[in-house]
Amino acid sequence: MTEFVQALGPHAAWVLGFALPGVIIACVAIGAGCWLSYRKRKMEIELKHALVERGMSADEIERIMKATMEPVEKDE
């Protein structure tokens, strides 16, 4: 392992110590954001399917979807 680091040159410690963990953290964050987006979209689709199965009209479904997407305001 030491020979590998020495072969990389004098900046190997910086690359292995700071840049590589930074890249890994960034990739994990991007992956988590994509997964969160996927899960939200999947839940919306499942909700729409459930509402259609209940026999709700398109207007009712649209109104419900808008209500679930609006942020909740906190009372201060």
PDB file of N, CA and C in Angstrom:
ATOM      1  N   MET A   1       0.823  -1.190   0.000  1.00  0.00           N
ATOM      2  CA  MET A   1       0.000   0.000   0.000  1.00  0.00           C
ATOM      3  C   MET A   1       0.866   1.252   0.000  1.00  0.00           C
ATOM      4  N   THR A   2       1.945   1.251   0.771  1.00  0.00           N
ATOM      5  CA  THR A   2       2.850   2.390   0.836  1.00  0.00           C
ATOM      6  C   THR A   2       3.482   2.653  -0.523  1.00  0.00           C
ATOM      7  N   GLU A   3       3.834   1.600  -1.219  1.00  0.00           N
ATOM      8  CA  GLU A   3       4.432   1.759  -2.548  1.00  0.00           C
ATOM      9  C   GLU A   3       3.436   2.404  -3.507  1.00  0.00           C
ATOM     10  N   PHE A   4       2.172   2.042  -3.382  1.00  0.00           N
ATOM     11  CA  PHE A   4       1.131   2.611  -4.231  1.00  0.00           C
ATOM     12  C   PHE A   4       0.996   4.113  -3.991  1.00  0.00           C
ATOM     13  N   VAL A   5       0.977   4.515  -2.725  1.00  0.00           N
ATOM     14  CA  VAL A   5       0.862   5.934  -2.375  1.00  0.00           C
ATOM     15  C   VAL A   5       2.082   6.701  -2.852  1.00  0.00           C
ATOM     16  N   GLN A   6       3.263   6.134  -2.694  1.00  0.00           N
ATOM     17  CA  GLN A   6       4.489   6.794  -3.140  1.00  0.00           C
ATOM     18  C   GLN A   6       4.500   6.924  -4.661  1.00  0.00           C
ATOM     19  N   ALA A   7       3.952   5.963  -5.355  1.00  0.00           N
ATOM     20  CA  ALA A   7       3.904   6.017  -6.817  1.00  0.00           C
ATOM     21  C   ALA A   7       2.983   7.124  -7.304  1.00  0.00           C
ATOM     22  N   LEU A   8       2.002   7.482  -6.495  1.00  0.00           N
ATOM     23  CA  LEU A   8       1.069   8.546  -6.885  1.00  0.00           C
ATOM     24  C   LEU A   8       1.706   9.931  -6.818  1.00  0.00           C
ATOM     25  N   GLY A   9       2.698  10.096  -6.003  1.00  0.00           N
ATOM     26  CA  GLY A   9       3.390  11.374  -5.920  1.00  0.00           C
ATOM     27  C   GLY A   9       3.116  12.096  -4.614  1.00  0.00           C
ATOM     28  N   PRO A  10       3.623  13.340  -4.519  1.00  0.00           N
ATOM     29  CA  PRO A  10       3.530  14.076  -3.257  1.00  0.00           C
ATOM     30  C   PRO A  10       2.110  14.513  -2.883  1.00  0.00           C
ATOM     31  N   HIS A  11       1.207  14.547  -3.841  1.00  0.00           N
ATOM     32  CA  HIS A  11      -0.153  15.008  -3.544  1.00  0.00           C
ATOM     33  C   HIS A  11      -1.101  13.859  -3.238  1.00  0.00           C
ATOM     34  N   ALA A  12      -0.569  12.669  -3.114  1.00  0.00           N
ATOM     35  CA  ALA A  12      -1.410  11.492  -2.879  1.00  0.00           C
ATOM     36  C   ALA A  12      -2.145  11.580  -1.550  1.00  0.00           C
ATOM     37  N   ALA A  13      -1.472  12.085  -0.517  1.00  0.00           N
ATOM     38  CA  ALA A  13      -2.118  12.186   0.797  1.00  0.00           C
ATOM     39  C   ALA A  13      -3.314  13.128   0.727  1.00  0.00           C
ATOM     40  N   TRP A  14      -3.163  14.224   0.010  1.00  0.00           N
ATOM     41  CA  TRP A  14      -4.276  15.171  -0.130  1.00  0.00           C
ATOM     42  C   TRP A  14      -5.434  14.522  -0.884  1.00  0.00           C
ATOM     43  N   VAL A  15      -5.105  13.847  -1.962  1.00  0.00           N
ATOM     44  CA  VAL A  15      -6.149  13.212  -2.772  1.00  0.00           C
ATOM     45  C   VAL A  15      -6.855  12.130  -1.981  1.00  0.00           C
ATOM     46  N   LEU A  16      -6.086  11.256  -1.358  1.00  0.00           N
ATOM     47  CA  LEU A  16      -6.678  10.151  -0.613  1.00  0.00           C
ATOM     48  C   LEU A  16      -7.333  10.607   0.688  1.00  0.00           C
ATOM     49  N   GLY A  17      -6.838  11.668   1.267  1.00  0.00           N
ATOM     50  CA  GLY A  17      -7.353  12.126   2.558  1.00  0.00           C
ATOM     51  C   GLY A  17      -8.532  13.061   2.478  1.00  0.00           C
ATOM     52  N   PHE A  18      -8.608  13.878   1.438  1.00  0.00           N
ATOM     53  CA  PHE A  18      -9.658  14.887   1.374  1.00  0.00           C
ATOM     54  C   PHE A  18     -10.552  14.770   0.142  1.00  0.00           C
ATOM     55  N   ALA A  19      -9.954  14.667  -1.006  1.00  0.00           N
ATOM     56  CA  ALA A  19     -10.742  14.672  -2.237  1.00  0.00           C
ATOM     57  C   ALA A  19     -11.585  13.405  -2.382  1.00  0.00           C
ATOM     58  N   LEU A  20     -10.994  12.264  -2.135  1.00  0.00           N
ATOM     59  CA  LEU A  20     -11.718  11.003  -2.295  1.00  0.00           C
ATOM     60  C   LEU A  20     -12.922  10.908  -1.352  1.00  0.00           C
ATOM     61  N   PRO A  21     -12.755  11.190  -0.053  1.00  0.00           N
ATOM     62  CA  PRO A  21     -13.941  11.185   0.817  1.00  0.00           C
ATOM     63  C   PRO A  21     -14.987  12.217   0.390  1.00  0.00           C
ATOM     64  N   GLY A  22     -14.529  13.354  -0.104  1.00  0.00           N
ATOM     65  CA  GLY A  22     -15.476  14.369  -0.585  1.00  0.00           C
ATOM     66  C   GLY A  22     -16.288  13.876  -1.765  1.00  0.00           C
ATOM     67  N   VAL A  23     -15.636  13.188  -2.675  1.00  0.00           N
ATOM     68  CA  VAL A  23     -16.333  12.628  -3.836  1.00  0.00           C
ATOM     69  C   VAL A  23     -17.311  11.553  -3.395  1.00  0.00           C
ATOM     70  N   ILE A  24     -16.897  10.726  -2.461  1.00  0.00           N
ATOM     71  CA  ILE A  24     -17.783   9.668  -1.963  1.00  0.00           C
ATOM     72  C   ILE A  24     -19.010  10.268  -1.284  1.00  0.00           C
ATOM     73  N   ILE A  25     -18.804  11.279  -0.449  1.00  0.00           N
ATOM     74  CA  ILE A  25     -19.926  11.935   0.229  1.00  0.00           C
ATOM     75  C   ILE A  25     -20.867  12.574  -0.784  1.00  0.00           C
ATOM     76  N   ALA A  26     -20.319  13.223  -1.798  1.00  0.00           N
ATOM     77  CA  ALA A  26     -21.149  13.844  -2.827  1.00  0.00           C
ATOM     78  C   ALA A  26     -21.969  12.803  -3.578  1.00  0.00           C
ATOM     79  N   CYS A  27     -21.352  11.687  -3.912  1.00  0.00           N
ATOM     80  CA  CYS A  27     -22.081  10.624  -4.624  1.00  0.00           C
ATOM     81  C   CYS A  27     -23.197  10.050  -3.768  1.00  0.00           C
ATOM     82  N   VAL A  28     -22.931   9.858  -2.489  1.00  0.00           N
ATOM     83  CA  VAL A  28     -23.968   9.346  -1.583  1.00  0.00           C
ATOM     84  C   VAL A  28     -25.104  10.353  -1.462  1.00  0.00           C
ATOM     85  N   ALA A  29     -24.780  11.635  -1.360  1.00  0.00           N
ATOM     86  CA  ALA A  29     -25.817  12.667  -1.255  1.00  0.00           C
ATOM     87  C   ALA A  29     -26.667  12.727  -2.513  1.00  0.00           C
ATOM     88  N   ILE A  30     -26.041  12.653  -3.656  1.00  0.00           N
ATOM     89  CA  ILE A  30     -26.784  12.673  -4.924  1.00  0.00           C
ATOM     90  C   ILE A  30     -27.670  11.435  -5.023  1.00  0.00           C
ATOM     91  N   GLY A  31     -27.135  10.288  -4.668  1.00  0.00           N
ATOM     92  CA  GLY A  31     -27.917   9.055  -4.700  1.00  0.00           C
ATOM     93  C   GLY A  31     -29.105   9.115  -3.751  1.00  0.00           C
ATOM     94  N   ALA A  32     -28.893   9.658  -2.559  1.00  0.00           N
ATOM     95  CA  ALA A  32     -29.979   9.777  -1.591  1.00  0.00           C
ATOM     96  C   ALA A  32     -31.056  10.734  -2.103  1.00  0.00           C
ATOM     97  N   GLY A  33     -30.645  11.823  -2.733  1.00  0.00           N
ATOM     98  CA  GLY A  33     -31.619  12.763  -3.294  1.00  0.00           C
ATOM     99  C   GLY A  33     -32.438  12.131  -4.404  1.00  0.00           C
ATOM    100  N   CYS A  34     -31.797  11.353  -5.248  1.00  0.00           N
ATOM    101  CA  CYS A  34     -32.518  10.655  -6.324  1.00  0.00           C
ATOM    102  C   CYS A  34     -33.484   9.632  -5.746  1.00  0.00           C
ATOM    103  N   TRP A  35     -33.044   8.904  -4.739  1.00  0.00           N
ATOM    104  CA  TRP A  35     -33.899   7.901  -4.111  1.00  0.00           C
ATOM    105  C   TRP A  35     -35.113   8.569  -3.466  1.00  0.00           C
ATOM    106  N   LEU A  36     -34.894   9.691  -2.793  1.00  0.00           N
ATOM    107  CA  LEU A  36     -35.997  10.414  -2.158  1.00  0.00           C
ATOM    108  C   LEU A  36     -36.997  10.884  -3.205  1.00  0.00           C
ATOM    109  N   SER A  37     -36.513  11.431  -4.298  1.00  0.00           N
ATOM    110  CA  SER A  37     -37.385  11.880  -5.377  1.00  0.00           C
ATOM    111  C   SER A  37     -38.189  10.716  -5.947  1.00  0.00           C
ATOM    112  N   TYR A  38     -37.525   9.577  -6.146  1.00  0.00           N
ATOM    113  CA  TYR A  38     -38.198   8.380  -6.661  1.00  0.00           C
ATOM    114  C   TYR A  38     -39.296   7.924  -5.705  1.00  0.00           C
ATOM    115  N   ARG A  39     -38.996   7.881  -4.403  1.00  0.00           N
ATOM    116  CA  ARG A  39     -39.980   7.421  -3.416  1.00  0.00           C
ATOM    117  C   ARG A  39     -41.178   8.357  -3.337  1.00  0.00           C
ATOM    118  N   LYS A  40     -40.942   9.670  -3.389  1.00  0.00           N
ATOM    119  CA  LYS A  40     -42.057  10.622  -3.362  1.00  0.00           C
ATOM    120  C   LYS A  40     -42.969  10.421  -4.564  1.00  0.00           C
ATOM    121  N   ARG A  41     -42.362  10.285  -5.734  1.00  0.00           N
ATOM    122  CA  ARG A  41     -43.141  10.085  -6.956  1.00  0.00           C
ATOM    123  C   ARG A  41     -43.927   8.777  -6.900  1.00  0.00           C
ATOM    124  N   LYS A  42     -43.293   7.724  -6.386  1.00  0.00           N
ATOM    125  CA  LYS A  42     -43.965   6.435  -6.273  1.00  0.00           C
ATOM    126  C   LYS A  42     -45.159   6.529  -5.319  1.00  0.00           C
ATOM    127  N   MET A  43     -44.986   7.234  -4.208  1.00  0.00           N
ATOM    128  CA  MET A  43     -46.086   7.392  -3.256  1.00  0.00           C
ATOM    129  C   MET A  43     -47.233   8.190  -3.858  1.00  0.00           C
ATOM    130  N   GLU A  44     -46.924   9.223  -4.649  1.00  0.00           N
ATOM    131  CA  GLU A  44     -47.967   9.991  -5.321  1.00  0.00           C
ATOM    132  C   GLU A  44     -48.752   9.115  -6.289  1.00  0.00           C
ATOM    133  N   ILE A  45     -48.050   8.280  -7.033  1.00  0.00           N
ATOM    134  CA  ILE A  45     -48.711   7.396  -7.993  1.00  0.00           C
ATOM    135  C   ILE A  45     -49.590   6.384  -7.266  1.00  0.00           C
ATOM    136  N   GLU A  46     -49.088   5.827  -6.163  1.00  0.00           N
ATOM    137  CA  GLU A  46     -49.885   4.880  -5.389  1.00  0.00           C
ATOM    138  C   GLU A  46     -51.139   5.542  -4.827  1.00  0.00           C
ATOM    139  N   LEU A  47     -51.011   6.793  -4.366  1.00  0.00           N
ATOM    140  CA  LEU A  47     -52.170   7.524  -3.859  1.00  0.00           C
ATOM    141  C   LEU A  47     -53.185   7.745  -4.966  1.00  0.00           C
ATOM    142  N   LYS A  48     -52.720   8.134  -6.141  1.00  0.00           N
ATOM    143  CA  LYS A  48     -53.631   8.343  -7.260  1.00  0.00           C
ATOM    144  C   LYS A  48     -54.360   7.063  -7.637  1.00  0.00           C
ATOM    145  N   HIS A  49     -53.649   5.946  -7.644  1.00  0.00           N
ATOM    146  CA  HIS A  49     -54.282   4.660  -7.944  1.00  0.00           C
ATOM    147  C   HIS A  49     -55.360   4.316  -6.913  1.00  0.00           C
ATOM    148  N   ALA A  50     -55.061   4.567  -5.639  1.00  0.00           N
ATOM    149  CA  ALA A  50     -56.030   4.289  -4.582  1.00  0.00           C
ATOM    150  C   ALA A  50     -57.266   5.172  -4.730  1.00  0.00           C
ATOM    151  N   LEU A  51     -57.061   6.422  -5.096  1.00  0.00           N
ATOM    152  CA  LEU A  51     -58.198   7.331  -5.260  1.00  0.00           C
ATOM    153  C   LEU A  51     -59.047   6.936  -6.468  1.00  0.00           C
ATOM    154  N   VAL A  52     -58.400   6.491  -7.531  1.00  0.00           N
ATOM    155  CA  VAL A  52     -59.146   6.037  -8.712  1.00  0.00           C
ATOM    156  C   VAL A  52     -59.958   4.790  -8.366  1.00  0.00           C
ATOM    157  N   GLU A  53     -59.366   3.882  -7.591  1.00  0.00           N
ATOM    158  CA  GLU A  53     -60.072   2.671  -7.186  1.00  0.00           C
ATOM    159  C   GLU A  53     -61.285   2.994  -6.322  1.00  0.00           C
ATOM    160  N   ARG A  54     -61.232   4.092  -5.569  1.00  0.00           N
ATOM    161  CA  ARG A  54     -62.370   4.517  -4.752  1.00  0.00           C
ATOM    162  C   ARG A  54     -63.465   5.175  -5.591  1.00  0.00           C
ATOM    163  N   GLY A  55     -63.157   5.444  -6.852  1.00  0.00           N
ATOM    164  CA  GLY A  55     -64.158   6.026  -7.741  1.00  0.00           C
ATOM    165  C   GLY A  55     -64.203   7.542  -7.733  1.00  0.00           C
ATOM    166  N   MET A  56     -63.150   8.179  -7.324  1.00  0.00           N
ATOM    167  CA  MET A  56     -63.126   9.643  -7.296  1.00  0.00           C
ATOM    168  C   MET A  56     -62.907  10.193  -8.696  1.00  0.00           C
ATOM    169  N   SER A  57     -63.436  11.382  -8.929  1.00  0.00           N
ATOM    170  CA  SER A  57     -63.277  12.014 -10.238  1.00  0.00           C
ATOM    171  C   SER A  57     -61.896  12.644 -10.351  1.00  0.00           C
ATOM    172  N   ALA A  58     -61.544  13.036 -11.568  1.00  0.00           N
ATOM    173  CA  ALA A  58     -60.235  13.648 -11.812  1.00  0.00           C
ATOM    174  C   ALA A  58     -60.110  14.970 -11.057  1.00  0.00           C
ATOM    175  N   ASP A  59     -61.217  15.733 -10.978  1.00  0.00           N
ATOM    176  CA  ASP A  59     -61.177  17.009 -10.250  1.00  0.00           C
ATOM    177  C   ASP A  59     -60.923  16.789  -8.758  1.00  0.00           C
ATOM    178  N   GLU A  60     -61.563  15.778  -8.190  1.00  0.00           N
ATOM    179  CA  GLU A  60     -61.356  15.486  -6.776  1.00  0.00           C
ATOM    180  C   GLU A  60     -59.911  15.034  -6.518  1.00  0.00           C
ATOM    181  N   ILE A  61     -59.390  14.205  -7.398  1.00  0.00           N
ATOM    182  CA  ILE A  61     -58.011  13.737  -7.247  1.00  0.00           C
ATOM    183  C   ILE A  61     -57.039  14.898  -7.359  1.00  0.00           C
ATOM    184  N   GLU A  62     -57.286  15.781  -8.318  1.00  0.00           N
ATOM    185  CA  GLU A  62     -56.415  16.950  -8.484  1.00  0.00           C
ATOM    186  C   GLU A  62     -56.439  17.832  -7.241  1.00  0.00           C
ATOM    187  N   ARG A  63     -57.613  18.032  -6.666  1.00  0.00           N
ATOM    188  CA  ARG A  63     -57.748  18.860  -5.469  1.00  0.00           C
ATOM    189  C   ARG A  63     -57.000  18.210  -4.291  1.00  0.00           C
ATOM    190  N   ILE A  64     -57.114  16.903  -4.151  1.00  0.00           N
ATOM    191  CA  ILE A  64     -56.423  16.199  -3.068  1.00  0.00           C
ATOM    192  C   ILE A  64     -54.910  16.265  -3.260  1.00  0.00           C
ATOM    193  N   MET A  65     -54.449  16.082  -4.491  1.00  0.00           N
ATOM    194  CA  MET A  65     -53.009  16.116  -4.747  1.00  0.00           C
ATOM    195  C   MET A  65     -52.440  17.508  -4.476  1.00  0.00           C
ATOM    196  N   LYS A  66     -53.182  18.545  -4.822  1.00  0.00           N
ATOM    197  CA  LYS A  66     -52.720  19.902  -4.525  1.00  0.00           C
ATOM    198  C   LYS A  66     -52.629  20.120  -3.027  1.00  0.00           C
ATOM    199  N   ALA A  67     -53.621  19.616  -2.288  1.00  0.00           N
ATOM    200  CA  ALA A  67     -53.642  19.804  -0.839  1.00  0.00           C
ATOM    201  C   ALA A  67     -52.487  19.070  -0.168  1.00  0.00           C
ATOM    202  N   THR A  68     -52.097  17.917  -0.697  1.00  0.00           N
ATOM    203  CA  THR A  68     -51.003  17.173  -0.081  1.00  0.00           C
ATOM    204  C   THR A  68     -49.646  17.772  -0.417  1.00  0.00           C
ATOM    205  N   MET A  69     -49.549  18.559  -1.475  1.00  0.00           N
ATOM    206  CA  MET A  69     -48.274  19.145  -1.880  1.00  0.00           C
ATOM    207  C   MET A  69     -48.007  20.507  -1.251  1.00  0.00           C
ATOM    208  N   GLU A  70     -49.029  21.164  -0.722  1.00  0.00           N
ATOM    209  CA  GLU A  70     -48.846  22.484  -0.132  1.00  0.00           C
ATOM    210  C   GLU A  70     -48.141  22.350   1.216  1.00  0.00           C
ATOM    211  N   PRO A  71     -47.170  23.225   1.494  1.00  0.00           N
ATOM    212  CA  PRO A  71     -46.484  23.162   2.792  1.00  0.00           C
ATOM    213  C   PRO A  71     -47.421  23.584   3.918  1.00  0.00           C
ATOM    214  N   VAL A  72     -47.247  22.969   5.070  1.00  0.00           N
ATOM    215  CA  VAL A  72     -48.070  23.284   6.222  1.00  0.00           C
ATOM    216  C   VAL A  72     -47.434  24.460   6.951  1.00  0.00           C
ATOM    217  N   GLU A  73     -48.245  25.470   7.256  1.00  0.00           N
ATOM    218  CA  GLU A  73     -47.741  26.641   7.962  1.00  0.00           C
ATOM    219  C   GLU A  73     -47.863  26.406   9.460  1.00  0.00           C
ATOM    220  N   LYS A  74     -46.821  26.794  10.184  1.00  0.00           N
ATOM    221  CA  LYS A  74     -46.826  26.635  11.631  1.00  0.00           C
ATOM    222  C   LYS A  74     -47.409  27.881  12.278  1.00  0.00           C
ATOM    223  N   ASP A  75     -48.220  27.659  13.319  1.00  0.00           N
ATOM    224  CA  ASP A  75     -48.744  28.797  14.087  1.00  0.00           C
ATOM    225  C   ASP A  75     -47.693  29.240  15.080  1.00  0.00           C
ATOM    226  N   GLU A  76     -47.458  30.538  15.107  1.00  0.00           N
ATOM    227  CA  GLU A  76     -46.451  31.036  16.052  1.00  0.00           C
ATOM    228  C   GLU A  76     -47.095  31.845  17.127  1.00  0.00           C
TER     229      GLU A  76
END
